[in-house]
Protein backbone atom coordinates (compact mmCIF):
# COMPACT_ATOMS: atom_id res chain seq x y z
CA MET A 1 78.23 105.40 111.20
CA ASP A 2 80.63 105.47 113.39
CA SER A 3 83.49 108.10 112.48
CA GLU A 4 86.12 105.50 113.51
CA THR A 5 86.94 102.02 111.79
CA THR A 6 89.00 98.83 113.27
CA VAL A 7 92.05 97.62 111.75
CA LEU A 8 89.45 93.87 110.93
CA ASP A 9 86.57 97.18 108.57
CA ILE A 10 89.99 97.85 106.51
CA LEU A 11 91.43 94.72 106.08
CA PHE A 12 87.92 93.05 105.07
CA PRO A 13 85.23 94.09 102.83
CA ARG A 14 82.51 95.44 105.75
CA VAL A 15 79.93 92.09 105.29
CA ARG A 16 83.36 89.50 106.03
CA ALA A 17 84.66 91.97 108.65
CA GLU A 18 81.17 91.16 110.60
CA ILE A 19 80.71 87.73 109.96
CA LEU A 20 84.68 86.76 110.60
CA ARG A 21 84.46 89.42 114.48
CA SER A 22 81.66 87.29 115.24
CA LEU A 23 82.09 83.60 114.38
CA PHE A 24 86.15 84.54 115.35
CA GLY A 25 85.97 86.45 118.06
CA GLY A 26 82.93 86.05 119.86
CA LEU A 27 82.44 83.14 122.90
CA LYS A 28 79.72 80.73 121.38
CA ASP A 29 81.67 78.45 119.48
CA ARG A 30 78.72 78.19 116.73
CA ARG A 31 75.64 79.92 115.37
CA TYR A 32 72.65 79.41 112.82
CA VAL A 33 71.68 82.07 110.54
CA ARG A 34 69.09 84.03 111.87
CA GLU A 35 71.28 84.32 114.80
CA LEU A 36 74.41 85.75 112.35
CA ALA A 37 71.89 88.27 110.70
CA ARG A 38 70.56 89.56 114.15
CA GLU A 39 74.13 89.78 115.62
CA THR A 40 75.72 91.92 112.52
CA GLY A 41 72.79 94.09 111.45
CA LEU A 42 72.75 91.97 107.84
CA ALA A 43 70.09 90.84 105.12
CA LEU A 44 69.91 87.07 106.00
CA CYS A 45 70.65 86.94 102.30
CA THR A 46 73.97 88.93 102.63
CA VAL A 47 74.73 86.41 105.39
CA GLN A 48 74.30 83.13 103.93
CA ASP A 49 76.04 84.54 100.79
CA GLU A 50 79.48 85.25 102.85
CA LEU A 51 79.44 82.37 104.94
CA ARG A 52 78.75 80.13 101.29
CA LYS A 53 81.68 82.00 100.22
CA LEU A 54 83.63 81.32 103.33
CA GLY A 55 82.79 77.64 103.35
CA GLY A 56 83.47 77.55 99.95
CA VAL A 57 87.36 78.12 101.47
CA GLU A 58 86.82 76.11 104.14
CA LEU A 59 87.42 78.85 106.87
CA VAL A 60 84.16 77.88 108.19
CA ILE A 61 81.85 74.41 108.70
CA SER A 62 78.34 73.97 108.78
CA TYR A 63 75.87 71.15 110.03
CA SER A 64 72.55 71.06 111.08
CA ASN A 65 69.80 69.71 114.23
CA GLY A 66 67.08 69.30 111.52
CA TYR A 67 66.08 72.79 112.59
CA HIS A 68 68.71 74.96 112.12
CA ARG A 69 71.64 75.19 109.81
CA PHE A 70 75.26 76.42 112.22
CA TYR A 71 78.29 77.55 111.35
CA ALA A 72 81.19 77.45 113.03
CA PRO A 73 85.05 78.03 112.55
CA ASN A 74 86.82 75.64 111.45
CA ALA A 75 89.68 74.95 113.69
CA SER A 76 91.66 72.84 111.60
CA HIS A 77 91.89 75.35 108.80
CA PRO A 78 95.99 76.70 108.13
CA LEU A 79 94.55 80.30 108.57
CA PHE A 80 92.08 79.71 111.59
CA LYS A 81 94.71 80.81 114.40
CA GLU A 82 95.25 83.75 112.10
CA LEU A 83 91.90 85.21 111.81
CA GLN A 84 91.74 84.32 115.14
CA ARG A 85 94.50 86.42 116.19
CA ILE A 86 93.46 89.80 113.86
CA VAL A 87 89.89 89.37 115.30
CA GLU A 88 91.62 89.75 118.78
CA LEU A 89 94.07 92.37 117.69
CA SER A 90 91.37 94.46 116.22
CA LYS A 91 89.43 94.58 119.43
CA ARG A 92 92.51 95.88 121.27
CA LEU A 93 94.66 98.11 118.61
CA PRO A 94 93.45 101.56 118.20
CA ARG A 95 90.88 102.62 115.61
CA THR A 96 91.45 104.59 113.09
CA LYS A 97 89.80 107.93 111.64
CA ARG A 98 87.58 107.64 108.29
CA SER A 99 88.74 110.63 107.19
CA ALA A 100 92.22 109.33 106.81
CA LEU A 101 91.56 106.45 104.75
CA PHE A 102 90.71 108.96 102.11
CA ARG A 103 92.52 111.18 99.68
CA ARG A 104 92.48 114.54 100.56
CA GLN A 105 91.62 117.03 98.09
CA SER A 106 93.94 119.53 97.48
CA ARG A 107 93.01 123.49 97.92
CA ASN A 108 92.81 124.10 93.95
CA SER A 109 91.19 121.01 92.68
CA ALA A 110 88.08 121.37 95.60
CA ARG A 111 87.50 125.21 94.02
CA LYS A 112 85.02 124.64 91.02
CA ARG A 113 87.51 124.82 88.35
CA ARG A 114 87.24 127.97 86.87
CA ARG A 115 87.09 128.80 82.87
CA HIS A 116 89.62 131.27 81.26
CA PRO A 117 88.10 135.14 80.97
CA ARG A 118 87.25 135.62 77.45
CA PRO A 119 89.67 137.93 75.67
CA SER A 120 88.68 141.52 75.84
CA TYR A 121 87.41 143.23 72.92
CA ARG A 122 88.31 146.64 71.82
CA ILE A 123 84.55 148.43 71.64
CA ARG A 124 85.17 151.27 69.01
CA PRO A 125 82.99 153.71 69.56
CA ALA A 126 80.24 154.22 66.92
CA SER A 127 82.04 157.61 65.94
CA LYS A 128 84.80 155.57 63.90
CA GLU A 129 83.51 154.19 61.06
CA LEU A 130 84.93 150.43 60.22
CA SER A 131 86.93 149.74 56.83
CA TRP A 132 86.06 146.72 55.66
CA ASN A 133 88.57 146.58 53.02
CA ILE A 134 90.22 143.25 53.64
CA PHE A 135 90.71 142.08 50.04
CA SER A 136 93.09 145.68 49.44
CA ASN A 137 96.33 145.62 48.40
CA ARG A 138 96.47 149.11 50.42
CA ARG A 139 97.43 148.94 54.22
CA ARG A 140 94.74 150.43 56.15
CA LYS A 141 96.49 153.36 58.71
CA THR A 142 95.11 153.31 62.46
């Protein structure tokens, strides 16, 4: 993976960004499913699922020539020009480092959490006897 990413990859999920980049930013006006899968490097079923979603909101249109099902961006959709512009601008804008997209850990949270040290008990020397008169009324002398 790249250590840098484009604006398009930040705005959209990876799969959708790849499909939009291929359909709205390419020189060809239509593509068939396997061609999209090959271009994007995504699995065929993943591409089909995403095309189904984009077709559901009518961002892409599909038709068949008897052998292949072709997909093309819907030029009559109100978002067509904006999506095309986002894809084109994404190519020209500076790339963002992936490390800038994640929350930085503070020095304290990056360290392993330490347990509080156990209280240090005084160990009596064996020469002193212990007084176990806990129920007596007399106070013991120390």
